Amino acid sequence: MIISVAIGGFFGSIFRFLVALHVTKRLVGTWLVNIIGSALLAYLFYQHLQSNISGFVWAFAGIGFCGAFTTFSTFGNETILLLMEHKYKQAFLYICSSLLLSIGTATAILYLLNTST
């Protein structure tokens, strides 16, 4: 199980790096991966709860890949940098939109998956 998390984390971190290379705006890359990662994690979590995916797939994709792909540490660092640059409005909007869209997307996906069965 630990190996599957490690392998998933390896690929998740590579994909995160590739997004950073292709999205040149500092905040946009982190914002996107956190929302996409939240959506993917919600989908995988639902599939795991329904026993549609194995424990290995959950550990690899849900815990490993999504855990490394999404990045709370970068989100925190970018927020602190905005505050240090006295960009308070941008920091507030970044925090609120990141949290609302990440949690909202995950909630919407879980809701849609629950109502479609």
C-alpha atoms as a PDB file:
ATOM      1  CA  MET A   1       0.000   0.000   0.000  1.00  0.00           C
ATOM      2  CA  ILE A   2       2.809   2.429   0.873  1.00  0.00           C
ATOM      3  CA  ILE A   3       4.468   1.795  -2.494  1.00  0.00           C
ATOM      4  CA  SER A   4       1.244   2.634  -4.345  1.00  0.00           C
ATOM      5  CA  VAL A   5       0.986   5.951  -2.455  1.00  0.00           C
ATOM      6  CA  ALA A   6       4.625   6.715  -3.261  1.00  0.00           C
ATOM      7  CA  ILE A   7       4.216   5.918  -6.969  1.00  0.00           C
ATOM      8  CA  GLY A   8       1.018   7.974  -7.154  1.00  0.00           C
ATOM      9  CA  GLY A   9       2.777  10.845  -5.393  1.00  0.00           C
ATOM     10  CA  PHE A  10       5.646  10.619  -7.873  1.00  0.00           C
ATOM     11  CA  PHE A  11       3.268  11.072 -10.802  1.00  0.00           C
ATOM     12  CA  GLY A  12       1.155  13.693  -9.035  1.00  0.00           C
ATOM     13  CA  SER A  13       4.190  15.854  -8.340  1.00  0.00           C
ATOM     14  CA  ILE A  14       5.344  15.546 -11.955  1.00  0.00           C
ATOM     15  CA  PHE A  15       1.926  16.599 -13.245  1.00  0.00           C
ATOM     16  CA  ARG A  16       1.929  19.512 -10.798  1.00  0.00           C
ATOM     17  CA  PHE A  17       5.318  20.592 -12.107  1.00  0.00           C
ATOM     18  CA  LEU A  18       4.090  20.343 -15.725  1.00  0.00           C
ATOM     19  CA  VAL A  19       1.116  22.570 -14.941  1.00  0.00           C
ATOM     20  CA  ALA A  20       3.480  25.103 -13.358  1.00  0.00           C
ATOM     21  CA  LEU A  21       5.584  25.084 -16.535  1.00  0.00           C
ATOM     22  CA  HIS A  22       2.597  25.698 -18.804  1.00  0.00           C
ATOM     23  CA  VAL A  23       0.763  28.232 -16.650  1.00  0.00           C
ATOM     24  CA  THR A  24       3.068  31.172 -16.314  1.00  0.00           C
ATOM     25  CA  LYS A  25       0.960  33.180 -13.881  1.00  0.00           C
ATOM     26  CA  ARG A  26       2.070  32.533 -10.316  1.00  0.00           C
ATOM     27  CA  LEU A  27      -1.314  32.101  -8.659  1.00  0.00           C
ATOM     28  CA  VAL A  28      -3.286  30.585 -11.531  1.00  0.00           C
ATOM     29  CA  GLY A  29      -1.375  27.292 -11.625  1.00  0.00           C
ATOM     30  CA  THR A  30      -1.871  26.589  -7.937  1.00  0.00           C
ATOM     31  CA  TRP A  31      -5.490  27.695  -8.129  1.00  0.00           C
ATOM     32  CA  LEU A  32      -6.168  25.356 -11.067  1.00  0.00           C
ATOM     33  CA  VAL A  33      -4.472  22.266  -9.645  1.00  0.00           C
ATOM     34  CA  ASN A  34      -6.228  22.656  -6.309  1.00  0.00           C
ATOM     35  CA  ILE A  35      -9.653  22.876  -7.955  1.00  0.00           C
ATOM     36  CA  ILE A  36      -8.962  20.074 -10.453  1.00  0.00           C
ATOM     37  CA  GLY A  37      -7.384  17.948  -7.730  1.00  0.00           C
ATOM     38  CA  SER A  38     -10.356  18.486  -5.424  1.00  0.00           C
ATOM     39  CA  ALA A  39     -12.725  17.406  -8.193  1.00  0.00           C
ATOM     40  CA  LEU A  40     -10.667  14.312  -8.982  1.00  0.00           C
ATOM     41  CA  LEU A  41     -10.315  13.424  -5.311  1.00  0.00           C
ATOM     42  CA  ALA A  42     -14.083  13.721  -4.768  1.00  0.00           C
ATOM     43  CA  TYR A  43     -14.722  11.437  -7.738  1.00  0.00           C
ATOM     44  CA  LEU A  44     -12.161   8.874  -6.555  1.00  0.00           C
ATOM     45  CA  PHE A  45     -13.455   9.050  -2.984  1.00  0.00           C
ATOM     46  CA  TYR A  46     -16.972   8.317  -4.162  1.00  0.00           C
ATOM     47  CA  GLN A  47     -15.768   5.421  -6.306  1.00  0.00           C
ATOM     48  CA  HIS A  48     -13.814   4.057  -3.349  1.00  0.00           C
ATOM     49  CA  LEU A  49     -16.828   4.297  -1.029  1.00  0.00           C
ATOM     50  CA  GLN A  50     -18.929   2.446  -3.601  1.00  0.00           C
ATOM     51  CA  SER A  51     -16.223  -0.263  -3.859  1.00  0.00           C
ATOM     52  CA  ASN A  52     -15.824   0.511  -7.572  1.00  0.00           C
ATOM     53  CA  ILE A  53     -12.065   0.904  -7.230  1.00  0.00           C
ATOM     54  CA  SER A  54      -9.630  -1.201  -5.264  1.00  0.00           C
ATOM     55  CA  GLY A  55      -7.652  -0.121  -2.230  1.00  0.00           C
ATOM     56  CA  PHE A  56      -4.556  -0.030  -4.443  1.00  0.00           C
ATOM     57  CA  VAL A  57      -6.184   2.380  -6.913  1.00  0.00           C
ATOM     58  CA  TRP A  58      -7.460   4.550  -4.050  1.00  0.00           C
ATOM     59  CA  ALA A  59      -4.004   4.650  -2.451  1.00  0.00           C
ATOM     60  CA  PHE A  60      -2.280   5.326  -5.782  1.00  0.00           C
ATOM     61  CA  ALA A  61      -4.682   7.866  -7.294  1.00  0.00           C
ATOM     62  CA  GLY A  62      -6.595   9.343  -4.366  1.00  0.00           C
ATOM     63  CA  ILE A  63      -3.972   9.526  -1.658  1.00  0.00           C
ATOM     64  CA  GLY A  64      -0.732   9.557  -3.662  1.00  0.00           C
ATOM     65  CA  PHE A  65      -1.519  11.330  -6.932  1.00  0.00           C
ATOM     66  CA  CYS A  66      -4.076  13.844  -5.638  1.00  0.00           C
ATOM     67  CA  GLY A  67      -2.062  14.449  -2.488  1.00  0.00           C
ATOM     68  CA  ALA A  68       1.026  15.408  -4.482  1.00  0.00           C
ATOM     69  CA  PHE A  69      -0.832  17.106  -7.333  1.00  0.00           C
ATOM     70  CA  THR A  70      -2.711  19.531  -5.099  1.00  0.00           C
ATOM     71  CA  THR A  71      -0.579  21.872  -3.111  1.00  0.00           C
ATOM     72  CA  PHE A  72      -1.666  23.503   0.098  1.00  0.00           C
ATOM     73  CA  SER A  73       1.896  24.540   0.944  1.00  0.00           C
ATOM     74  CA  THR A  74       2.242  26.538  -2.284  1.00  0.00           C
ATOM     75  CA  PHE A  75      -1.214  28.036  -1.720  1.00  0.00           C
ATOM     76  CA  GLY A  76      -0.106  29.158   1.748  1.00  0.00           C
ATOM     77  CA  ASN A  77       3.199  30.512   0.504  1.00  0.00           C
ATOM     78  CA  GLU A  78       1.584  32.462  -2.332  1.00  0.00           C
ATOM     79  CA  THR A  79      -0.965  33.931   0.081  1.00  0.00           C
ATOM     80  CA  ILE A  80       1.790  35.055   2.449  1.00  0.00           C
ATOM     81  CA  LEU A  81       3.694  36.624  -0.457  1.00  0.00           C
ATOM     82  CA  LEU A  82       0.587  38.569  -1.483  1.00  0.00           C
ATOM     83  CA  LEU A  83       0.166  39.809   2.079  1.00  0.00           C
ATOM     84  CA  MET A  84       3.829  40.797   2.299  1.00  0.00           C
ATOM     85  CA  GLU A  85       3.382  42.751  -0.948  1.00  0.00           C
ATOM     86  CA  HIS A  86       0.375  44.499   0.682  1.00  0.00           C
ATOM     87  CA  LYS A  87      -1.972  43.021  -1.937  1.00  0.00           C
ATOM     88  CA  TYR A  88      -4.678  42.411   0.624  1.00  0.00           C
ATOM     89  CA  LYS A  89      -7.632  42.423  -1.752  1.00  0.00           C
ATOM     90  CA  GLN A  90      -5.929  39.963  -4.109  1.00  0.00           C
ATOM     91  CA  ALA A  91      -4.963  37.730  -1.168  1.00  0.00           C
ATOM     92  CA  PHE A  92      -8.541  37.772   0.121  1.00  0.00           C
ATOM     93  CA  LEU A  93      -9.949  36.927  -3.312  1.00  0.00           C
ATOM     94  CA  TYR A  94      -7.334  34.207  -3.815  1.00  0.00           C
ATOM     95  CA  ILE A  95      -8.128  32.588  -0.471  1.00  0.00           C
ATOM     96  CA  CYS A  96     -11.896  32.805  -0.868  1.00  0.00           C
ATOM     97  CA  SER A  97     -12.028  31.647  -4.489  1.00  0.00           C
ATOM     98  CA  SER A  98      -9.586  28.797  -3.842  1.00  0.00           C
ATOM     99  CA  LEU A  99     -11.500  27.499  -0.856  1.00  0.00           C
ATOM    100  CA  LEU A 100     -14.982  28.039  -2.243  1.00  0.00           C
ATOM    101  CA  LEU A 101     -14.243  26.590  -5.670  1.00  0.00           C
ATOM    102  CA  SER A 102     -12.219  23.630  -4.383  1.00  0.00           C
ATOM    103  CA  ILE A 103     -14.745  22.652  -1.725  1.00  0.00           C
ATOM    104  CA  GLY A 104     -17.691  23.622  -3.913  1.00  0.00           C
ATOM    105  CA  THR A 105     -16.438  21.540  -6.835  1.00  0.00           C
ATOM    106  CA  ALA A 106     -15.848  18.516  -4.619  1.00  0.00           C
ATOM    107  CA  THR A 107     -19.286  18.927  -3.034  1.00  0.00           C
ATOM    108  CA  ALA A 108     -20.986  19.291  -6.418  1.00  0.00           C
ATOM    109  CA  ILE A 109     -19.300  16.181  -7.789  1.00  0.00           C
ATOM    110  CA  LEU A 110     -20.237  14.119  -4.734  1.00  0.00           C
ATOM    111  CA  TYR A 111     -23.800  15.418  -4.927  1.00  0.00           C
ATOM    112  CA  LEU A 112     -24.102  14.638  -8.642  1.00  0.00           C
ATOM    113  CA  LEU A 113     -22.640  11.180  -8.209  1.00  0.00           C
ATOM    114  CA  ASN A 114     -24.991  10.455  -5.300  1.00  0.00           C
ATOM    115  CA  THR A 115     -28.083  11.596  -7.175  1.00  0.00           C
ATOM    116  CA  SER A 116     -27.205   9.726 -10.377  1.00  0.00           C
ATOM    117  CA  THR A 117     -27.328   6.287  -8.712  1.00  0.00           C
END
